[in-house]
Each structure stands twice: as C-alpha cells, then as structure tokens.
Amino acid sequence: MPAFHATRERQMPSILRFLIVVGLLGGLVYAGISSLAGYVQPQPREMIVNIPYEKLIRHR
C-alpha cells in the first residue's frame, strides 16, 4: 500500500496563505510604527488659540 502523501503534493489553501501574508505585513507595519514612536521625541511648545467672544456666549 503506497503512502498517500508521497504521491500527492499538499497545498496550502489560498485564504490561509492570504491571512498569513496580511498578518506578516501588519506585523511589519506595527513594528515600524512602534520603533518610530520610540525613536522620535516630540518637542513640547506653547499653543495659543483665539476664540471669538461671540462663540463663547452662543454656547451657554
């Protein structure tokens, strides 16, 4: 009795291959973003926004 696996190649289903590729690409993007977040230091600065008095009165 010949072995079944020796005569026929086993193929990975296409949806599983797609999910593996998408997972690997997502992992690479996540690793890139997290490394940039650790590498870049934000510069704190003061920010001033002028709000017209009419907008303050209208929302009361």
C-alpha atoms as a PDB file:
ATOM      1  CA  MET A   1       0.000   0.000   0.000  1.00  0.00           C
ATOM      2  CA  PRO A   2       1.737   3.242  -1.135  1.00  0.00           C
ATOM      3  CA  ALA A   3       1.748   6.256   1.160  1.00  0.00           C
ATOM      4  CA  PHE A   4      -0.853   8.837   0.143  1.00  0.00           C
ATOM      5  CA  HIS A   5       1.354  11.837   0.985  1.00  0.00           C
ATOM      6  CA  ALA A   6       4.210  10.620  -1.184  1.00  0.00           C
ATOM      7  CA  THR A   7       2.141  10.627  -4.382  1.00  0.00           C
ATOM      8  CA  ARG A   8       0.315  13.925  -3.986  1.00  0.00           C
ATOM      9  CA  GLU A   9       1.584  17.362  -3.002  1.00  0.00           C
ATOM     10  CA  ARG A  10      -0.191  19.084  -0.172  1.00  0.00           C
ATOM     11  CA  GLN A  11      -1.093  22.676  -0.950  1.00  0.00           C
ATOM     12  CA  MET A  12      -1.880  25.431   1.492  1.00  0.00           C
ATOM     13  CA  PRO A  13      -5.394  26.861   0.990  1.00  0.00           C
ATOM     14  CA  SER A  14      -5.341  30.297  -0.622  1.00  0.00           C
ATOM     15  CA  ILE A  15      -7.292  32.002   2.203  1.00  0.00           C
ATOM     16  CA  LEU A  16      -4.779  30.748   4.745  1.00  0.00           C
ATOM     17  CA  ARG A  17      -1.889  31.986   2.616  1.00  0.00           C
ATOM     18  CA  PHE A  18      -3.601  35.379   2.272  1.00  0.00           C
ATOM     19  CA  LEU A  19      -4.140  35.667   6.029  1.00  0.00           C
ATOM     20  CA  ILE A  20      -0.506  34.775   6.716  1.00  0.00           C
ATOM     21  CA  VAL A  21       0.739  37.434   4.271  1.00  0.00           C
ATOM     22  CA  VAL A  22      -1.623  40.079   5.674  1.00  0.00           C
ATOM     23  CA  GLY A  23      -0.565  39.173   9.222  1.00  0.00           C
ATOM     24  CA  LEU A  24       3.120  39.439   8.366  1.00  0.00           C
ATOM     25  CA  LEU A  25       2.644  42.797   6.629  1.00  0.00           C
ATOM     26  CA  GLY A  26       0.586  44.077   9.567  1.00  0.00           C
ATOM     27  CA  GLY A  27       3.311  42.943  11.960  1.00  0.00           C
ATOM     28  CA  LEU A  28       5.956  44.766   9.934  1.00  0.00           C
ATOM     29  CA  VAL A  29       3.879  47.960   9.911  1.00  0.00           C
ATOM     30  CA  TYR A  30       3.270  47.679  13.655  1.00  0.00           C
ATOM     31  CA  ALA A  31       6.985  47.124  14.316  1.00  0.00           C
ATOM     32  CA  GLY A  32       7.862  50.129  12.150  1.00  0.00           C
ATOM     33  CA  ILE A  33       5.391  52.428  13.874  1.00  0.00           C
ATOM     34  CA  SER A  34       6.440  51.336  17.338  1.00  0.00           C
ATOM     35  CA  SER A  35      10.127  51.788  16.530  1.00  0.00           C
ATOM     36  CA  LEU A  36       9.452  55.279  15.155  1.00  0.00           C
ATOM     37  CA  ALA A  37       7.424  56.141  18.247  1.00  0.00           C
ATOM     38  CA  GLY A  38      10.346  55.159  20.452  1.00  0.00           C
ATOM     39  CA  TYR A  39      12.933  56.912  18.291  1.00  0.00           C
ATOM     40  CA  VAL A  40      11.247  60.313  17.722  1.00  0.00           C
ATOM     41  CA  GLN A  41      10.886  62.599  20.734  1.00  0.00           C
ATOM     42  CA  PRO A  42       8.181  65.302  20.457  1.00  0.00           C
ATOM     43  CA  GLN A  43       9.165  68.916  21.091  1.00  0.00           C
ATOM     44  CA  PRO A  44       6.766  70.486  23.627  1.00  0.00           C
ATOM     45  CA  ARG A  45       5.695  74.023  22.784  1.00  0.00           C
ATOM     46  CA  GLU A  46       3.080  76.508  23.849  1.00  0.00           C
ATOM     47  CA  MET A  47      -0.022  76.839  21.713  1.00  0.00           C
ATOM     48  CA  ILE A  48      -2.476  79.748  21.788  1.00  0.00           C
ATOM     49  CA  VAL A  49      -5.897  79.625  20.112  1.00  0.00           C
ATOM     50  CA  ASN A  50      -8.035  82.758  19.970  1.00  0.00           C
ATOM     51  CA  ILE A  51     -11.771  82.083  20.428  1.00  0.00           C
ATOM     52  CA  PRO A  52     -14.141  84.904  19.496  1.00  0.00           C
ATOM     53  CA  TYR A  53     -16.311  86.130  22.346  1.00  0.00           C
ATOM     54  CA  GLU A  54     -19.487  85.547  20.284  1.00  0.00           C
ATOM     55  CA  LYS A  55     -18.829  81.800  20.148  1.00  0.00           C
ATOM     56  CA  LEU A  56     -18.437  81.644  23.918  1.00  0.00           C
ATOM     57  CA  ILE A  57     -21.744  83.458  24.515  1.00  0.00           C
ATOM     58  CA  ARG A  58     -23.669  81.419  21.915  1.00  0.00           C
ATOM     59  CA  HIS A  59     -22.891  78.069  23.548  1.00  0.00           C
ATOM     60  CA  ARG A  60     -24.094  78.979  27.047  1.00  0.00           C
END
